[in-house]
Protein backbone atom coordinates (compact mmCIF):
# COMPACT_ATOMS: atom_id res chain seq x y z
CA UNK A 1 -58.25 -16.07 48.61
CA UNK A 2 -60.58 -16.99 51.45
CA UNK A 3 -58.11 -16.70 54.34
CA UNK A 4 -56.51 -13.57 52.86
CA UNK A 5 -59.80 -11.63 52.40
CA UNK A 6 -61.11 -12.89 55.73
CA UNK A 7 -58.01 -11.74 57.60
CA UNK A 8 -58.08 -8.28 55.97
CA UNK A 9 -61.77 -7.75 56.64
CA UNK A 10 -61.44 -8.97 60.23
CA UNK A 11 -58.77 -6.32 60.88
CA UNK A 12 -61.05 -3.71 59.30
CA UNK A 13 -63.99 -4.54 61.56
CA UNK A 14 -61.70 -4.07 64.61
CA UNK A 15 -60.24 -0.80 63.47
CA UNK A 16 -63.70 0.68 62.62
CA UNK A 17 -65.16 0.25 66.09
CA UNK A 18 -66.77 3.40 67.49
CA UNK A 19 -67.52 5.07 64.20
CA UNK A 20 -71.14 5.80 63.46
CA UNK A 21 -71.26 5.56 59.73
CA UNK A 22 -69.34 4.62 56.58
CA UNK A 23 -67.75 7.83 55.12
CA UNK A 24 -65.64 8.83 52.16
CA UNK A 25 -62.51 8.69 54.36
CA UNK A 26 -62.94 5.36 56.02
CA UNK A 27 -64.36 3.60 52.97
CA UNK A 28 -61.18 4.20 51.01
CA UNK A 29 -59.19 2.23 53.65
CA UNK A 30 -61.64 -0.65 53.47
CA UNK A 31 -61.70 -0.64 49.65
CA UNK A 32 -57.91 -0.72 49.51
CA UNK A 33 -57.79 -3.88 51.66
CA UNK A 34 -60.46 -5.62 49.45
CA UNK A 35 -58.72 -4.53 46.25
CA UNK A 36 -55.37 -5.93 47.47
CA UNK A 37 -56.96 -9.23 48.56
CA UNK A 38 -58.67 -9.67 45.19
CA UNK A 39 -55.59 -8.86 43.16
CA UNK A 40 -53.44 -11.25 45.28
CA UNK A 41 -56.15 -13.90 44.64
CA UNK A 42 -55.47 -13.39 40.85
CA UNK A 43 -58.88 -12.02 40.04
CA UNK A 44 -59.07 -10.34 36.64
CA UNK A 45 -58.41 -6.66 36.80
CA UNK A 46 -61.60 -5.54 35.00
CA UNK A 47 -63.61 -7.74 37.41
CA UNK A 48 -61.81 -6.11 40.43
CA UNK A 49 -62.50 -2.58 39.14
CA UNK A 50 -66.15 -3.27 38.54
CA UNK A 51 -66.48 -4.96 41.94
CA UNK A 52 -64.81 -2.13 43.85
CA UNK A 53 -67.01 0.49 42.08
CA UNK A 54 -70.21 -1.36 43.05
CA UNK A 55 -69.12 -1.84 46.63
CA UNK A 56 -68.12 1.84 46.99
CA UNK A 57 -71.48 3.03 45.54
CA UNK A 58 -73.43 0.93 47.98
CA UNK A 59 -71.24 1.68 51.00
CA UNK A 60 -70.90 5.45 50.92
CA UNK A 61 -73.11 7.10 53.50
CA UNK A 62 -74.73 3.91 54.63
CA UNK A 63 -76.01 4.20 58.21
CA UNK A 64 -74.92 1.53 60.65
CA UNK A 65 -77.95 -0.71 61.37
CA UNK A 66 -78.64 -1.66 65.06
CA UNK A 67 -75.49 -2.86 66.79
CA UNK A 68 -73.39 -3.23 63.60
CA UNK A 69 -70.20 -1.31 63.31
CA UNK A 70 -69.21 0.30 59.92
CA UNK A 71 -66.72 -2.52 59.48
CA UNK A 72 -69.45 -5.12 59.95
CA UNK A 73 -71.82 -3.27 57.70
CA UNK A 74 -69.06 -3.09 55.03
CA UNK A 75 -68.48 -6.89 55.30
CA UNK A 76 -72.23 -7.38 54.60
CA UNK A 77 -72.00 -5.21 51.45
CA UNK A 78 -68.94 -7.19 50.27
CA UNK A 79 -70.72 -10.43 50.86
CA UNK A 80 -73.73 -9.37 48.75
CA UNK A 81 -71.53 -8.15 45.89
CA UNK A 82 -69.34 -11.27 45.96
CA UNK A 83 -72.43 -13.34 45.53
CA UNK A 84 -73.72 -11.10 42.70
CA UNK A 85 -70.34 -11.33 40.96
CA UNK A 86 -70.35 -15.08 41.05
CA UNK A 87 -74.03 -15.19 40.04
CA UNK A 88 -76.92 -14.68 42.50
CA UNK A 89 -78.95 -17.76 43.32
CA UNK A 90 -78.51 -21.36 42.15
CA UNK A 91 -78.43 -22.30 38.46
CA UNK A 92 -79.02 -26.07 38.23
CA UNK A 93 -78.72 -28.23 35.15
CA UNK A 94 -81.38 -27.77 32.48
CA UNK A 95 -82.93 -31.01 31.24
CA UNK A 96 -86.19 -29.58 29.79
CA UNK A 97 -86.03 -31.26 26.39
CA UNK A 98 -87.11 -34.46 24.64
CA UNK A 99 -84.83 -37.28 25.92
CA UNK A 100 -82.00 -37.90 25.59
CA UNK A 101 -80.83 -34.45 26.81
CA UNK A 102 -77.30 -33.96 25.51
CA UNK A 103 -74.68 -32.27 27.72
CA UNK A 104 -71.46 -31.20 25.97
CA UNK A 105 -68.34 -30.86 28.21
CA UNK A 106 -65.77 -28.30 26.97
CA UNK A 107 -62.42 -27.09 28.40
CA UNK A 108 -58.62 -27.37 28.25
CA UNK A 109 -56.67 -30.54 28.86
CA UNK A 110 -56.03 -30.99 32.57
CA UNK A 111 -59.09 -29.08 33.68
CA UNK A 112 -60.76 -32.24 34.89
CA UNK A 113 -63.42 -32.80 32.18
CA UNK A 114 -63.34 -36.59 32.22
CA UNK A 115 -63.63 -36.88 36.02
CA UNK A 116 -66.26 -34.19 36.03
CA UNK A 117 -68.27 -36.03 33.38
CA UNK A 118 -68.54 -39.04 35.69
CA UNK A 119 -69.27 -36.83 38.74
CA UNK A 120 -72.08 -35.13 36.81
CA UNK A 121 -73.42 -38.54 35.81
CA UNK A 122 -73.54 -39.64 39.46
CA UNK A 123 -75.22 -36.37 40.42
CA UNK A 124 -77.98 -36.83 37.83
CA UNK A 125 -78.52 -40.46 38.82
CA UNK A 126 -78.75 -39.77 42.54
CA UNK A 127 -80.36 -36.33 42.62
CA UNK A 128 -82.48 -36.34 39.42
CA UNK A 129 -83.10 -40.09 39.07
CA UNK A 130 -81.98 -40.11 35.45
CA UNK A 131 -80.68 -42.83 33.28
CA UNK A 132 -77.27 -41.62 32.06
CA UNK A 133 -74.88 -42.61 29.23
CA UNK A 134 -71.39 -41.20 28.82
CA UNK A 135 -69.12 -41.25 25.78
CA UNK A 136 -65.62 -39.98 25.15
CA UNK A 137 -64.95 -38.04 21.90
CA UNK A 138 -61.29 -37.52 22.84
CA UNK A 139 -59.61 -39.62 20.08
CA UNK A 140 -56.22 -38.00 20.73
CA UNK A 141 -55.72 -39.47 24.17
CA UNK A 142 -56.73 -43.18 24.27
CA UNK A 143 -56.07 -43.20 28.03
CA UNK A 144 -58.93 -40.68 28.38
CA UNK A 145 -61.36 -43.14 26.84
CA UNK A 146 -60.25 -45.82 29.29
CA UNK A 147 -60.40 -43.41 32.22
CA UNK A 148 -63.97 -42.43 31.37
CA UNK A 149 -64.92 -46.08 31.29
CA UNK A 150 -63.50 -46.59 34.77
CA UNK A 151 -65.01 -43.50 36.46
CA UNK A 152 -68.37 -43.98 34.67
CA UNK A 153 -68.53 -47.48 36.24
CA UNK A 154 -67.81 -45.96 39.61
CA UNK A 155 -70.60 -43.39 39.15
CA UNK A 156 -73.17 -46.10 38.30
CA UNK A 157 -73.79 -44.82 34.84
CA UNK A 158 -73.51 -46.58 31.43
CA UNK A 159 -70.52 -46.08 29.10
CA UNK A 160 -70.62 -46.06 25.32
CA UNK A 161 -67.36 -47.45 23.76
CA UNK A 162 -65.28 -45.42 21.40
CA UNK A 163 -61.88 -45.84 19.73
CA UNK A 164 -58.95 -43.56 18.83
CA UNK A 165 -59.39 -44.59 15.23
CA UNK A 166 -62.86 -43.17 15.03
CA UNK A 167 -63.81 -39.60 14.20
CA UNK A 168 -65.25 -37.49 17.13
CA UNK A 169 -68.39 -36.52 15.26
CA UNK A 170 -69.08 -40.18 14.26
CA UNK A 171 -68.53 -41.28 17.88
CA UNK A 172 -70.96 -38.61 19.24
CA UNK A 173 -73.67 -39.39 16.64
CA UNK A 174 -73.43 -43.16 17.32
CA UNK A 175 -73.71 -42.55 21.07
CA UNK A 176 -76.76 -40.35 20.57
CA UNK A 177 -78.47 -43.02 18.44
CA UNK A 178 -77.66 -45.60 21.09
CA UNK A 179 -79.12 -43.35 23.82
CA UNK A 180 -82.33 -42.91 21.83
CA UNK A 181 -82.71 -46.66 21.20
CA UNK A 182 -82.03 -47.66 24.83
CA UNK A 183 -84.24 -44.85 26.41
CA UNK A 184 -81.48 -42.97 28.20
CA UNK A 185 -82.51 -39.64 29.81
CA UNK A 186 -79.13 -38.01 29.47
CA UNK A 187 -76.10 -38.29 27.18
CA UNK A 188 -72.87 -36.66 28.45
CA UNK A 189 -70.18 -36.12 25.83
CA UNK A 190 -66.64 -35.71 27.05
CA UNK A 191 -64.63 -33.74 24.36
CA UNK A 192 -60.93 -33.49 23.71
CA UNK A 193 -58.77 -30.93 25.36
CA UNK A 194 -55.45 -29.33 24.54
CA UNK A 195 -52.51 -27.91 26.49
CA UNK A 196 -53.23 -24.61 24.80
CA UNK A 197 -56.11 -23.10 22.87
CA UNK A 198 -56.01 -23.77 19.14
CA UNK A 199 -58.32 -23.38 16.19
CA UNK A 200 -58.48 -27.13 15.42
CA UNK A 201 -59.98 -27.74 18.91
CA UNK A 202 -62.47 -24.96 18.54
CA UNK A 203 -63.62 -26.06 15.09
CA UNK A 204 -64.08 -29.67 16.34
CA UNK A 205 -66.24 -28.52 19.25
CA UNK A 206 -68.28 -26.24 17.10
CA UNK A 207 -69.03 -29.16 14.69
CA UNK A 208 -70.00 -31.37 17.68
CA UNK A 209 -72.30 -28.61 19.03
CA UNK A 210 -73.99 -28.08 15.65
CA UNK A 211 -74.63 -31.82 15.14
CA UNK A 212 -75.70 -32.71 18.74
CA UNK A 213 -77.63 -29.52 19.63
CA UNK A 214 -76.92 -30.00 23.35
CA UNK A 215 -79.28 -28.65 25.91
CA UNK A 216 -76.30 -27.79 28.13
CA UNK A 217 -72.74 -26.75 27.02
CA UNK A 218 -70.65 -26.73 30.17
CA UNK A 219 -67.25 -25.02 30.33
CA UNK A 220 -65.01 -26.92 32.76
CA UNK A 221 -62.26 -24.70 34.23
CA UNK A 222 -59.58 -25.40 36.78
CA UNK A 223 -60.14 -22.99 39.79
CA UNK A 224 -56.32 -22.98 40.33
CA UNK A 225 -55.76 -21.33 36.93
CA UNK A 226 -56.41 -17.80 38.19
CA UNK A 227 -55.71 -15.20 35.54
CA UNK A 228 -55.18 -17.89 32.82
CA UNK A 229 -58.87 -18.88 33.26
CA UNK A 230 -59.86 -15.47 31.86
CA UNK A 231 -58.15 -16.02 28.53
CA UNK A 232 -59.54 -19.56 28.26
CA UNK A 233 -63.04 -18.33 29.08
CA UNK A 234 -62.89 -15.63 26.40
CA UNK A 235 -61.89 -18.16 23.73
CA UNK A 236 -64.63 -20.70 24.52
CA UNK A 237 -67.29 -17.96 24.81
CA UNK A 238 -66.45 -16.82 21.33
CA UNK A 239 -66.56 -20.38 19.94
CA UNK A 240 -69.59 -21.77 21.74
CA UNK A 241 -72.83 -20.61 23.29
CA UNK A 242 -71.93 -21.64 26.81
CA UNK A 243 -74.79 -22.38 29.19
CA UNK A 244 -72.86 -22.98 32.35
CA UNK A 245 -69.50 -23.29 34.16
CA UNK A 246 -68.04 -26.10 36.33
CA UNK A 247 -65.18 -25.00 38.55
CA UNK A 248 -62.89 -27.95 39.43
CA UNK A 249 -60.31 -28.22 42.26
CA UNK A 250 -62.16 -25.58 44.35
CA UNK A 251 -60.84 -27.42 47.39
CA UNK A 252 -57.20 -27.00 46.32
CA UNK A 253 -54.56 -24.64 47.72
CA UNK A 254 -55.33 -21.93 45.15
CA UNK A 255 -55.60 -18.19 45.13
CA UNK A 256 -59.14 -18.75 43.88
CA UNK A 257 -59.50 -15.84 41.49
CA UNK A 258 -61.13 -17.98 38.78
CA UNK A 259 -64.33 -18.25 40.89
CA UNK A 260 -64.81 -14.46 40.68
CA UNK A 261 -63.49 -13.90 37.22
CA UNK A 262 -64.84 -16.66 35.04
CA UNK A 263 -68.60 -16.01 35.39
CA UNK A 264 -68.21 -12.41 34.22
CA UNK A 265 -65.82 -13.24 31.39
CA UNK A 266 -67.61 -16.32 30.10
CA UNK A 267 -71.02 -14.73 30.42
CA UNK A 268 -72.54 -17.96 31.84
CA UNK A 269 -73.52 -19.00 35.43
CA UNK A 270 -71.39 -21.20 37.52
CA UNK A 271 -73.50 -24.35 37.88
CA UNK A 272 -71.19 -26.85 39.69
CA UNK A 273 -68.07 -26.93 41.79
CA UNK A 274 -65.67 -29.84 42.23
CA UNK A 275 -64.86 -30.01 45.93
CA UNK A 276 -62.98 -33.26 46.18
CA UNK A 277 -61.35 -35.98 44.15
CA UNK A 278 -64.06 -38.46 45.09
CA UNK A 279 -66.71 -39.49 42.56
CA UNK A 280 -69.36 -37.77 44.68
CA UNK A 281 -67.26 -34.62 45.06
CA UNK A 282 -69.46 -32.37 42.98
CA UNK A 283 -71.73 -29.68 44.46
CA UNK A 284 -74.39 -27.48 42.90
CA UNK A 285 -72.81 -24.04 43.10
CA UNK A 286 -74.53 -21.58 45.38
CA UNK A 287 -72.92 -18.15 44.99
CA UNK A 288 -74.25 -16.78 48.31
CA UNK A 289 -73.03 -19.72 50.29
CA UNK A 290 -69.62 -19.69 48.57
CA UNK A 291 -69.32 -15.99 49.29
CA UNK A 292 -69.91 -16.75 52.98
CA UNK A 293 -67.09 -19.32 52.92
CA UNK A 294 -64.77 -16.85 51.27
CA UNK A 295 -65.47 -14.26 53.97
CA UNK A 296 -65.02 -16.79 56.81
CA UNK A 297 -68.80 -16.93 57.56
CA UNK A 298 -68.85 -20.68 56.94
CA UNK A 299 -71.49 -22.73 55.10
CA UNK A 300 -73.75 -24.23 57.80
CA UNK A 301 -76.32 -25.27 55.14
CA UNK A 302 -73.54 -27.19 53.26
CA UNK A 303 -72.43 -28.72 56.57
CA UNK A 304 -75.94 -29.94 57.30
CA UNK A 305 -76.21 -31.40 53.87
CA UNK A 306 -72.92 -33.34 54.36
CA UNK A 307 -74.22 -34.60 57.69
CA UNK A 308 -77.46 -35.81 56.15
CA UNK A 309 -75.56 -37.46 53.32
CA UNK A 310 -72.68 -39.05 55.29
CA UNK A 311 -73.92 -39.83 58.77
CA UNK A 312 -75.27 -43.15 59.74
CA UNK A 313 -78.33 -42.13 61.74
CA UNK A 314 -78.67 -45.53 63.48
CA UNK A 315 -75.06 -45.30 64.66
CA UNK A 316 -75.56 -41.69 65.75
CA UNK A 317 -78.66 -42.68 67.82
CA UNK A 318 -76.66 -45.53 69.38
CA UNK A 319 -73.92 -43.15 70.41
CA UNK A 320 -76.51 -40.66 71.72
CA UNK A 321 -78.01 -43.46 73.97
CA UNK A 322 -74.52 -44.22 75.30
CA UNK A 323 -73.92 -40.52 76.07
CA UNK A 324 -77.32 -40.32 77.85
CA UNK A 325 -76.52 -43.36 79.99
CA UNK A 326 -72.97 -42.27 80.65
CA UNK A 327 -71.62 -45.69 80.17
CA UNK A 328 -70.24 -47.96 77.50
CA UNK A 329 -68.38 -45.41 75.28
CA UNK A 330 -65.45 -47.39 73.91
CA UNK A 331 -62.86 -47.32 71.18
CA UNK A 332 -65.36 -48.74 68.63
CA UNK A 333 -67.43 -45.61 69.12
CA UNK A 334 -64.29 -43.50 68.85
CA UNK A 335 -63.41 -45.19 65.48
CA UNK A 336 -67.00 -44.67 64.34
CA UNK A 337 -66.68 -40.94 64.91
CA UNK A 338 -63.53 -40.82 62.78
CA UNK A 339 -65.27 -42.74 60.05
CA UNK A 340 -68.31 -40.38 60.06
CA UNK A 341 -66.00 -37.35 59.88
CA UNK A 342 -64.24 -38.89 56.86
CA UNK A 343 -67.60 -39.38 55.12
CA UNK A 344 -68.36 -35.69 55.56
CA UNK A 345 -65.19 -34.58 53.79
CA UNK A 346 -62.59 -35.00 56.49
CA UNK A 347 -61.35 -32.48 58.96
CA UNK A 348 -60.54 -29.93 56.23
CA UNK A 349 -64.01 -30.18 54.72
CA UNK A 350 -65.62 -29.62 58.06
CA UNK A 351 -63.45 -26.63 58.96
CA UNK A 352 -64.07 -25.04 55.63
CA UNK A 353 -67.83 -25.02 56.27
CA UNK A 354 -67.67 -23.74 59.82
CA UNK A 355 -67.59 -19.96 60.57
CA UNK A 356 -64.11 -18.68 61.39
CA UNK A 357 -65.37 -17.42 64.79
CA UNK A 358 -66.10 -21.04 65.79
CA UNK A 359 -62.92 -22.57 64.44
CA UNK A 360 -60.73 -19.84 65.93
CA UNK A 361 -57.02 -20.25 65.07
CA UNK A 362 -57.79 -23.73 63.76
CA UNK A 363 -59.62 -22.11 60.84
CA UNK A 364 -56.55 -20.08 59.90
CA UNK A 365 -53.99 -22.84 59.73
CA UNK A 366 -52.28 -23.43 56.39
CA UNK A 367 -52.53 -26.42 54.09
CA UNK A 368 -49.41 -28.04 55.54
CA UNK A 369 -50.82 -27.92 59.04
CA UNK A 370 -54.18 -29.18 57.90
CA UNK A 371 -52.51 -32.04 56.10
CA UNK A 372 -50.62 -32.89 59.27
CA UNK A 373 -53.89 -32.87 61.30
CA UNK A 374 -55.51 -35.14 58.67
CA UNK A 375 -52.50 -37.50 58.89
CA UNK A 376 -52.88 -37.59 62.64
CA UNK A 377 -56.52 -38.66 62.23
CA UNK A 378 -55.52 -41.47 59.82
CA UNK A 379 -52.87 -42.54 62.34
CA UNK A 380 -55.49 -42.80 65.03
CA UNK A 381 -57.67 -44.86 62.80
CA UNK A 382 -54.79 -47.21 62.02
CA UNK A 383 -53.96 -47.68 65.66
CA UNK A 384 -57.51 -48.54 66.64
CA UNK A 385 -57.76 -50.92 63.62
CA UNK A 386 -54.68 -52.76 64.96
CA UNK A 387 -56.41 -53.63 68.17
CA UNK A 388 -58.47 -56.78 68.86
CA UNK A 389 -62.25 -56.45 69.39
CA UNK A 390 -61.71 -57.07 73.16
CA UNK A 391 -59.11 -54.31 73.35
CA UNK A 392 -61.44 -51.85 71.61
CA UNK A 393 -64.25 -52.67 74.09
CA UNK A 394 -61.93 -52.65 77.16
CA UNK A 395 -59.01 -50.28 76.59
CA UNK A 396 -58.09 -50.52 80.23
CA UNK A 397 -56.48 -53.92 79.53
CA UNK A 398 -53.87 -52.25 77.23
CA UNK A 399 -50.59 -52.71 79.03
CA UNK A 400 -46.97 -52.41 77.71
CA UNK A 401 -46.84 -55.68 75.76
CA UNK A 402 -50.16 -55.06 74.00
CA UNK A 403 -49.22 -51.52 73.19
CA UNK A 404 -45.97 -52.61 71.56
CA UNK A 405 -47.88 -55.13 69.44
CA UNK A 406 -50.48 -52.51 68.34
CA UNK A 407 -47.75 -49.95 67.58
CA UNK A 408 -45.92 -52.50 65.41
CA UNK A 409 -49.13 -53.45 63.60
CA UNK A 410 -50.01 -49.77 62.86
CA UNK A 411 -46.48 -48.75 61.97
CA UNK A 412 -46.23 -46.14 64.69
CA UNK A 413 -44.39 -45.60 68.00
CA UNK A 414 -45.72 -46.68 71.43
CA UNK A 415 -46.00 -43.01 72.42
CA UNK A 416 -48.49 -42.55 69.52
CA UNK A 417 -50.63 -45.32 71.07
CA UNK A 418 -50.42 -43.63 74.48
CA UNK A 419 -51.39 -40.28 72.90
CA UNK A 420 -54.50 -41.85 71.28
CA UNK A 421 -55.52 -43.45 74.57
CA UNK A 422 -55.20 -40.14 76.38
CA UNK A 423 -57.35 -38.48 73.76
CA UNK A 424 -59.93 -41.22 74.09
CA UNK A 425 -59.99 -40.80 77.93
CA UNK A 426 -60.51 -37.04 77.45
CA UNK A 427 -63.49 -37.73 75.17
CA UNK A 428 -64.89 -40.33 77.60
CA UNK A 429 -64.65 -37.85 80.45
CA UNK A 430 -66.53 -35.34 78.21
CA UNK A 431 -69.24 -37.85 77.67
CA UNK A 432 -69.60 -38.36 81.42
CA UNK A 433 -69.91 -34.63 81.95
CA UNK A 434 -72.61 -34.33 79.36
CA UNK A 435 -74.53 -37.02 81.22
CA UNK A 436 -73.93 -35.48 84.61
CA UNK A 437 -75.21 -31.98 83.75
CA UNK A 438 -71.84 -30.39 83.19
CA UNK A 439 -72.63 -29.50 79.63
CA UNK A 440 -72.36 -25.70 80.09
CA UNK A 441 -68.95 -25.98 81.87
CA UNK A 442 -67.71 -28.24 79.11
CA UNK A 443 -68.82 -25.81 76.39
CA UNK A 444 -67.03 -23.00 78.12
CA UNK A 445 -63.85 -24.99 78.21
CA UNK A 446 -64.24 -25.93 74.55
CA UNK A 447 -64.78 -22.25 73.63
CA UNK A 448 -61.43 -21.47 75.31
CA UNK A 449 -59.62 -24.15 73.44
CA UNK A 450 -56.94 -23.03 70.93
CA UNK A 451 -56.37 -24.48 67.52
CA UNK A 452 -56.03 -28.21 66.93
CA UNK A 453 -53.99 -29.00 69.96
CA UNK A 454 -56.01 -32.04 70.76
CA UNK A 455 -54.73 -33.79 67.67
CA UNK A 456 -51.06 -33.33 68.35
């Protein structure tokens, strides 16, 4: 959805140059592009109709402000309405109750409830400093109970044992009693899912909700479902008083319509988004920032948060000192930069948060090309790890024999080793220019760079 809508709106901005205001004539062309992009993204038709009507009402007759063209002004309107459709502001988890606060996880099988349960536990432990207990009431899939045990341990939370021979309600009540006696702040209950919605599932969840009286009932939905998410959201809204939505797999190669459809259909705010398979891959959902990413404006705030979370500041200062001195930049530093990038979500995660104007063609490449670029980065890491400490410090000693040994150790060709060394030399030259006052020249050259050619 993001690339499609971004491309269409970018073309509109170019074609609207020179016009002084948004009129009935030109707004129809713009609305047609937005409507097609939303429908192709599998956004629910009622949501599309309402969205287009609101955008048209705000756009007609609007004067162009300052240096903005009608196309740019229209993009601003679309951005505001996208954010409003997904829920303006940030709706964090509500824990304002006598401990333990119970959180009930609901959704279909395969939506990612079990993994999301552990991710939410980690979020509450790290961000809210809570003592968290998890329990699985999914007696129909014994593997789900074992899975929750494993991922809960990874999250640093406590796990309450359950068995496929027990009743879901008895499991939940026993876990709640345990949480009270051991002074847990939060109990997260992972419920059973199905491959399709059925009355037995809904009756079971209603009974759990009535007995536990959860402070939060979170509907977990796969962002890749598209139009199917609408039917699921309707059924759960009728069965339960939903308080929030968790969108999983938001980083996947999906059309993304669920993000726009599900909030309106379910009648509850989107509170969290799953952005990676890692146990810390859960973000508090910010509609305005997500709308910016959809429109190619990037998410600089999110990027800063990733940097603060993933970057080793001592290592960064050490590198800054080397750049300042102009000497000593070696392959250990190069490897450190690759490691820091991986901690911030990898190349794809960084590109997703940068505005499309900065990423250029690199921001428009498809999933296959991005995967190839990520694979190139992993290959570089493997090559450096196959070197001895001396070779990393003094890459100039790498002659033919050493290169063959390194290539064999990394499982690559000698030309891959040569390519890495060339890229390293380019980066070292860049560091020297930064020290020697050539920063502006270097930035101009970087601005003229195309795509991800440096990785190939």
